[in-house]
Protein backbone atom coordinates (compact mmCIF):
# COMPACT_ATOMS: atom_id res chain seq x y z
CA UNK A 1 5.67 -52.02 77.94
CA UNK A 2 2.73 -50.25 77.99
CA UNK A 3 4.17 -48.41 80.81
CA UNK A 4 7.19 -47.35 79.03
CA UNK A 5 5.43 -46.04 76.19
CA UNK A 6 3.16 -43.82 78.21
CA UNK A 7 5.98 -42.85 80.41
CA UNK A 8 8.31 -41.67 77.33
CA UNK A 9 5.64 -39.92 75.66
CA UNK A 10 4.84 -37.64 78.88
CA UNK A 11 8.21 -37.06 79.16
CA UNK A 12 8.79 -35.92 75.78
CA UNK A 13 5.47 -33.22 76.39
CA UNK A 14 7.06 -32.30 79.42
CA UNK A 15 10.63 -32.00 78.17
CA UNK A 16 11.63 -28.08 77.57
CA UNK A 17 11.65 -26.79 73.95
CA UNK A 18 14.52 -24.99 72.99
CA UNK A 19 14.70 -21.69 72.02
CA UNK A 20 14.40 -21.07 68.19
CA UNK A 21 17.24 -18.46 66.93
CA UNK A 22 15.15 -14.91 66.66
CA UNK A 23 14.84 -13.59 63.52
CA UNK A 24 16.13 -9.72 63.41
CA UNK A 25 13.79 -7.42 63.32
CA UNK A 26 13.34 -5.10 60.13
CA UNK A 27 12.08 -1.47 60.49
CA UNK A 28 10.03 0.02 57.77
CA UNK A 29 11.80 2.54 55.28
CA UNK A 30 9.62 4.79 54.01
CA UNK A 31 11.86 5.97 51.90
CA UNK A 32 12.34 3.04 50.21
CA UNK A 33 8.57 2.62 50.17
CA UNK A 34 8.07 5.97 48.22
CA UNK A 35 10.46 5.12 45.39
CA UNK A 36 8.72 2.31 44.51
CA UNK A 37 5.47 4.18 44.37
CA UNK A 38 7.40 6.45 42.29
CA UNK A 39 8.50 3.97 39.83
CA UNK A 40 5.30 2.16 39.86
CA UNK A 41 3.56 5.61 39.11
CA UNK A 42 5.96 6.54 36.58
CA UNK A 43 5.14 2.93 34.72
CA UNK A 44 1.73 3.50 34.75
CA UNK A 45 2.08 6.75 33.72
CA UNK A 46 4.30 6.00 30.30
CA UNK A 47 1.66 3.48 29.72
CA UNK A 48 -1.23 5.69 29.82
CA UNK A 49 0.79 8.51 27.61
CA UNK A 50 1.79 6.10 24.93
CA UNK A 51 -1.70 4.57 24.74
CA UNK A 52 -2.91 7.61 24.58
CA UNK A 53 -0.63 9.03 21.95
CA UNK A 54 -1.70 5.87 19.55
CA UNK A 55 -5.25 6.65 20.19
CA UNK A 56 -5.08 10.31 19.59
CA UNK A 57 -2.59 9.59 16.28
CA UNK A 58 -5.31 7.29 14.97
CA UNK A 59 -7.88 9.73 15.61
CA UNK A 60 -6.13 12.37 14.11
CA UNK A 61 -4.90 10.49 10.61
CA UNK A 62 -8.91 9.71 10.56
CA UNK A 63 -9.63 13.14 10.82
CA UNK A 64 -7.52 14.32 8.68
CA UNK A 65 -8.06 11.83 5.91
CA UNK A 66 -11.97 12.58 6.34
CA UNK A 67 -11.36 16.63 6.04
CA UNK A 68 -8.38 16.75 3.70
CA UNK A 69 -7.95 16.79 -0.37
CA UNK A 70 -9.42 13.28 -1.94
CA UNK A 71 -5.20 12.50 -3.07
CA UNK A 72 -2.19 13.86 -3.45
CA UNK A 73 -1.77 16.34 -6.62
CA UNK A 74 0.92 16.42 -9.30
CA UNK A 75 1.45 19.60 -8.40
CA UNK A 76 2.40 19.09 -4.73
CA UNK A 77 5.41 17.16 -5.74
CA UNK A 78 8.28 18.67 -6.47
CA UNK A 79 11.85 16.54 -8.19
CA UNK A 80 14.50 18.40 -5.72
CA UNK A 81 17.25 16.86 -7.76
CA UNK A 82 15.53 16.51 -11.27
CA UNK A 83 19.09 17.77 -13.63
CA UNK A 84 18.16 20.08 -16.75
CA UNK A 85 17.77 17.15 -18.88
CA UNK A 86 14.39 16.06 -18.02
CA UNK A 87 11.47 16.83 -20.26
CA UNK A 88 8.16 18.34 -18.80
CA UNK A 89 6.48 15.29 -19.45
CA UNK A 90 9.04 12.95 -18.10
CA UNK A 91 8.87 15.13 -15.15
CA UNK A 92 5.05 14.70 -14.82
CA UNK A 93 5.30 11.00 -15.45
CA UNK A 94 6.89 10.57 -12.07
CA UNK A 95 5.18 13.20 -10.32
CA UNK A 96 1.97 11.03 -11.27
CA UNK A 97 3.94 8.07 -9.76
CA UNK A 98 4.35 9.48 -6.74
CA UNK A 99 0.90 10.85 -6.53
CA UNK A 100 -0.48 7.69 -6.96
CA UNK A 101 1.27 6.20 -4.20
CA UNK A 102 1.12 8.40 -1.67
CA UNK A 103 -2.03 9.15 0.68
CA UNK A 104 -3.60 12.21 2.02
CA UNK A 105 -2.80 11.14 5.22
CA UNK A 106 0.26 13.29 6.64
CA UNK A 107 1.06 10.57 9.01
CA UNK A 108 1.31 8.07 6.90
CA UNK A 109 4.74 6.80 6.60
CA UNK A 110 3.97 3.82 5.03
CA UNK A 111 2.93 5.15 1.85
CA UNK A 112 5.94 7.27 1.45
CA UNK A 113 7.83 3.58 1.51
CA UNK A 114 5.74 2.32 -1.15
CA UNK A 115 6.20 5.76 -3.14
CA UNK A 116 10.16 4.96 -3.07
CA UNK A 117 10.07 1.02 -4.54
CA UNK A 118 7.80 2.56 -6.90
CA UNK A 119 10.28 4.84 -8.40
CA UNK A 120 13.33 2.79 -7.84
CA UNK A 121 11.28 0.25 -9.91
CA UNK A 122 11.03 2.96 -13.22
CA UNK A 123 13.95 2.61 -15.62
CA UNK A 124 14.51 6.47 -15.62
CA UNK A 125 15.52 6.25 -12.06
CA UNK A 126 18.65 5.17 -10.89
CA UNK A 127 18.04 5.06 -7.03
CA UNK A 128 15.89 7.09 -4.56
CA UNK A 129 17.74 8.77 -1.27
CA UNK A 130 14.01 9.94 0.31
CA UNK A 131 10.76 11.08 -0.18
CA UNK A 132 9.77 13.41 2.23
CA UNK A 133 6.08 15.17 3.35
CA UNK A 134 5.86 18.55 4.78
CA UNK A 135 3.39 19.85 6.83
CA UNK A 136 1.77 22.92 3.80
CA UNK A 137 0.86 19.16 2.12
CA UNK A 138 3.90 19.55 -0.57
CA UNK A 139 5.93 16.23 -1.19
CA UNK A 140 9.88 16.40 -2.02
CA UNK A 141 11.42 13.50 -4.06
CA UNK A 142 15.37 12.81 -3.68
CA UNK A 143 16.60 10.62 -6.13
CA UNK A 144 19.25 9.91 -8.86
CA UNK A 145 18.36 9.79 -12.75
CA UNK A 146 19.74 7.85 -15.47
CA UNK A 147 20.51 10.25 -18.61
CA UNK A 148 20.43 8.96 -22.19
CA UNK A 149 23.59 9.70 -23.76
CA UNK A 150 23.65 7.16 -27.01
CA UNK A 151 20.90 5.52 -28.60
CA UNK A 152 21.93 1.97 -30.04
CA UNK A 153 20.66 0.37 -33.29
CA UNK A 154 18.70 -2.80 -32.88
CA UNK A 155 16.18 -4.69 -34.41
CA UNK A 156 13.08 -2.53 -34.21
CA UNK A 157 14.82 1.01 -34.18
CA UNK A 158 17.32 2.65 -31.87
CA UNK A 159 17.33 2.38 -28.54
CA UNK A 160 18.62 5.19 -26.03
CA UNK A 161 21.11 4.22 -22.76
CA UNK A 162 22.57 5.84 -20.22
CA UNK A 163 26.52 5.60 -19.55
CA UNK A 164 26.23 2.30 -18.01
CA UNK A 165 24.77 0.87 -20.98
CA UNK A 166 21.16 0.33 -19.07
CA UNK A 167 18.33 0.80 -21.82
CA UNK A 168 15.74 3.38 -21.54
CA UNK A 169 12.35 3.49 -22.62
CA UNK A 170 11.86 4.53 -26.16
CA UNK A 171 12.55 3.44 -29.81
CA UNK A 172 13.17 5.73 -32.52
CA UNK A 173 13.30 5.70 -36.26
CA UNK A 174 16.14 6.75 -38.19
CA UNK A 175 14.29 9.87 -39.62
CA UNK A 176 14.16 10.89 -35.87
CA UNK A 177 17.38 10.58 -34.86
CA UNK A 178 18.13 14.02 -36.28
CA UNK A 179 15.38 15.18 -33.49
CA UNK A 180 16.68 13.22 -30.48
CA UNK A 181 20.47 14.48 -31.34
CA UNK A 182 22.34 11.53 -29.37
CA UNK A 183 25.47 9.99 -30.86
CA UNK A 184 24.66 6.65 -32.79
CA UNK A 185 26.25 3.37 -32.18
CA UNK A 186 25.88 0.58 -34.52
CA UNK A 187 26.99 -2.86 -34.94
CA UNK A 188 26.31 -3.61 -31.19
CA UNK A 189 26.08 -8.01 -31.29
CA UNK A 190 23.62 -8.99 -28.44
CA UNK A 191 19.86 -8.59 -28.42
CA UNK A 192 18.36 -5.33 -26.74
CA UNK A 193 18.03 -5.87 -22.97
CA UNK A 194 14.91 -4.91 -21.31
CA UNK A 195 13.62 -1.15 -20.36
CA UNK A 196 16.05 -0.70 -16.90
CA UNK A 197 18.23 -3.32 -17.55
CA UNK A 198 21.63 -3.20 -18.74
CA UNK A 199 22.69 -4.23 -22.06
CA UNK A 200 24.77 -7.35 -22.55
CA UNK A 201 28.05 -7.48 -24.46
CA UNK A 202 31.39 -6.12 -24.34
CA UNK A 203 30.79 -4.11 -27.46
CA UNK A 204 28.49 -1.70 -26.48
CA UNK A 205 30.64 -0.67 -23.61
CA UNK A 206 33.30 0.15 -25.89
CA UNK A 207 31.12 2.08 -28.27
CA UNK A 208 30.32 4.05 -24.83
CA UNK A 209 33.90 4.66 -23.53
CA UNK A 210 34.88 6.25 -27.47
CA UNK A 211 31.10 8.46 -27.27
CA UNK A 212 32.56 9.61 -23.77
CA UNK A 213 36.34 10.09 -24.87
CA UNK A 214 35.05 12.54 -28.10
CA UNK A 215 32.38 14.28 -26.60
CA UNK A 216 32.53 18.06 -27.20
CA UNK A 217 35.30 17.93 -29.83
CA UNK A 218 34.80 20.24 -32.64
CA UNK A 219 33.92 17.68 -35.33
CA UNK A 220 31.15 15.59 -33.19
CA UNK A 221 28.45 16.52 -35.36
CA UNK A 222 30.54 14.55 -38.75
CA UNK A 223 30.21 11.64 -36.50
CA UNK A 224 27.14 9.80 -37.93
CA UNK A 225 27.63 6.48 -36.46
CA UNK A 226 30.41 4.82 -33.96
CA UNK A 227 30.70 1.46 -35.34
CA UNK A 228 31.37 -1.38 -33.06
CA UNK A 229 31.32 -4.46 -35.01
CA UNK A 230 34.49 -4.86 -36.16
CA UNK A 231 36.84 -7.29 -34.37
CA UNK A 232 40.66 -8.24 -34.45
CA UNK A 233 42.18 -11.96 -34.57
CA UNK A 234 42.01 -11.61 -30.71
CA UNK A 235 38.35 -10.86 -30.35
CA UNK A 236 39.28 -7.41 -28.97
CA UNK A 237 36.68 -4.94 -30.41
CA UNK A 238 38.26 -2.66 -32.90
CA UNK A 239 36.24 1.09 -32.72
CA UNK A 240 35.04 2.82 -36.34
CA UNK A 241 33.77 6.46 -36.79
CA UNK A 242 31.44 6.34 -39.78
CA UNK A 243 31.10 9.82 -41.52
CA UNK A 244 28.51 10.41 -44.27
CA UNK A 245 31.03 10.39 -46.80
CA UNK A 246 34.20 8.00 -45.25
CA UNK A 247 35.58 6.89 -42.16
CA UNK A 248 37.79 6.96 -39.32
CA UNK A 249 39.26 3.69 -38.05
CA UNK A 250 40.39 4.18 -34.49
CA UNK A 251 41.25 0.90 -33.00
CA UNK A 252 40.90 -0.55 -29.86
CA UNK A 253 38.83 1.38 -27.15
CA UNK A 254 40.46 4.13 -24.84
CA UNK A 255 42.30 2.67 -22.29
CA UNK A 256 42.34 -0.50 -23.89
CA UNK A 257 45.71 0.07 -26.23
CA UNK A 258 48.52 -0.37 -23.85
CA UNK A 259 52.01 -0.72 -25.86
CA UNK A 260 50.20 -1.74 -29.38
CA UNK A 261 48.76 1.47 -30.12
CA UNK A 262 48.95 5.15 -29.62
CA UNK A 263 46.89 6.23 -26.86
CA UNK A 264 43.82 7.69 -26.70
CA UNK A 265 44.80 11.51 -26.36
CA UNK A 266 47.41 10.95 -29.36
CA UNK A 267 44.44 9.65 -31.25
CA UNK A 268 42.13 12.75 -30.53
CA UNK A 269 45.40 14.92 -31.12
CA UNK A 270 45.94 13.46 -34.60
CA UNK A 271 41.84 13.65 -35.44
CA UNK A 272 42.19 16.86 -34.83
CA UNK A 273 44.88 17.60 -37.44
CA UNK A 274 43.08 16.10 -39.69
CA UNK A 275 39.60 18.20 -38.82
CA UNK A 276 41.83 21.65 -38.79
CA UNK A 277 44.07 20.44 -42.04
CA UNK A 278 41.17 19.15 -44.42
CA UNK A 279 38.03 20.56 -42.54
CA UNK A 280 36.62 16.87 -42.00
CA UNK A 281 38.14 13.70 -39.63
CA UNK A 282 37.53 11.84 -42.97
CA UNK A 283 39.84 13.96 -45.19
CA UNK A 284 37.14 14.16 -47.56
CA UNK A 285 35.32 10.81 -48.12
CA UNK A 286 38.58 8.99 -47.09
CA UNK A 287 39.40 6.31 -44.89
CA UNK A 288 41.88 8.03 -41.99
CA UNK A 289 43.50 5.46 -39.53
CA UNK A 290 44.72 6.24 -36.66
CA UNK A 291 45.53 3.04 -34.81
CA UNK A 292 48.90 3.06 -36.10
CA UNK A 293 52.28 4.40 -35.84
CA UNK A 294 51.36 7.76 -37.62
CA UNK A 295 48.33 8.83 -39.58
CA UNK A 296 47.38 7.41 -42.75
CA UNK A 297 45.04 8.51 -45.25
CA UNK A 298 43.87 6.66 -48.52
CA UNK A 299 41.02 5.93 -49.95
CA UNK A 300 39.10 2.97 -49.68
CA UNK A 301 39.20 -0.64 -50.80
CA UNK A 302 36.41 -2.17 -53.19
CA UNK A 303 35.46 -4.20 -50.02
CA UNK A 304 35.95 -1.57 -47.94
CA UNK A 305 33.71 0.95 -49.69
CA UNK A 306 30.55 -2.08 -49.90
CA UNK A 307 31.12 -2.67 -46.50
CA UNK A 308 30.58 1.31 -45.79
CA UNK A 309 27.91 1.72 -48.15
CA UNK A 310 26.24 -1.31 -46.27
CA UNK A 311 26.61 0.24 -42.89
CA UNK A 312 25.64 4.01 -44.32
CA UNK A 313 22.23 2.40 -45.42
CA UNK A 314 21.40 0.31 -42.27
CA UNK A 315 22.03 3.66 -40.07
CA UNK A 316 20.06 6.10 -42.34
CA UNK A 317 17.08 4.07 -44.20
C-alpha cells in the first residue's frame, strides 16, 4: 500500500505537463501612449488654469476693494427706464437703495442680486429686469415702476394707487389734493391695503376703470370725485361723478353694461354733448343721468341733495 502511494506520486511527478495556450503578444503602440499623455496633460493644465484664475480673481477683488472707493455713490447709478413722472426726490431715494446694497468690488455679482431683491421690495417698483455694472464704475438699473393714477379716500386721508389698485407710499389731506393733481375716488368700502399691496374689493377697480375711460376728456377738471359707494339690488357698483355743484349718475362700470345700459362710448358721447350745450357736465348744479335710454337732467330730490352735501363735505373738509 505504501509502495502504491510512493509509485503513484512518482508517476505524477514524471508525467509530462500539458502545454498551456499561449497568450497573444501585444505590441506597444506609441501613438496610443502619446494620446493618453496628451489627455492627462490637458486635464492637469485645465485644473491649473482654473485654480490660478480663482486665486487671481480673489486677490484682484481684494486689491480693488482696498484701492477703490469706500462705497458706491448714488451719482454712479442710472435709472435707465425711469418714466417722466418720477420726481427727483423719488429717483434719489431709489438710487440710495441700490447704493446701500452694491459693494465697491466690481467682481461682486452677489451684491447686484441683493440690490435687485431690495428694489423688488420697494412699493414704487413693479419689477426689476436687471442691475448691471460697467467698467467705469457706473451701475444701470432696468425696472418697471408703479405710477400713481388716483388717490383713494380712506380713514386717515387720501392714498395714492396705481392702475392695478396697488397702494403707494404717502397719505394726503384734502387741502393737498389740488397740488397732487390726481383724480379722487371716494366711497371705497375696503380698508387701505399696506404699501405695495393691492387694495381689496371690486369698488376701487370699478372706479379706476371709469378714471381710465374719461382721462383726457375736456371736462375732466369738473369732476371733483369718482363715487363708488352706490350699489344696486344685485350688489353691482353704480358709479357717480361728483362735481362741486351737482352730479352725473354714470351707472355700471365701463364694460359691464351688457344690454342693461348704453355702452360706455355712448355715455361719454352724451356727456360731451351736455358739456358742450351747458358748459358743465352737471348742467349747472343739477343731476344728469346717462345710464338710461336717453340723457335725463333734473333737480336733486331732498334725499339726493342731503347725500350729495355729505359726500361733498367728506372729500373737501
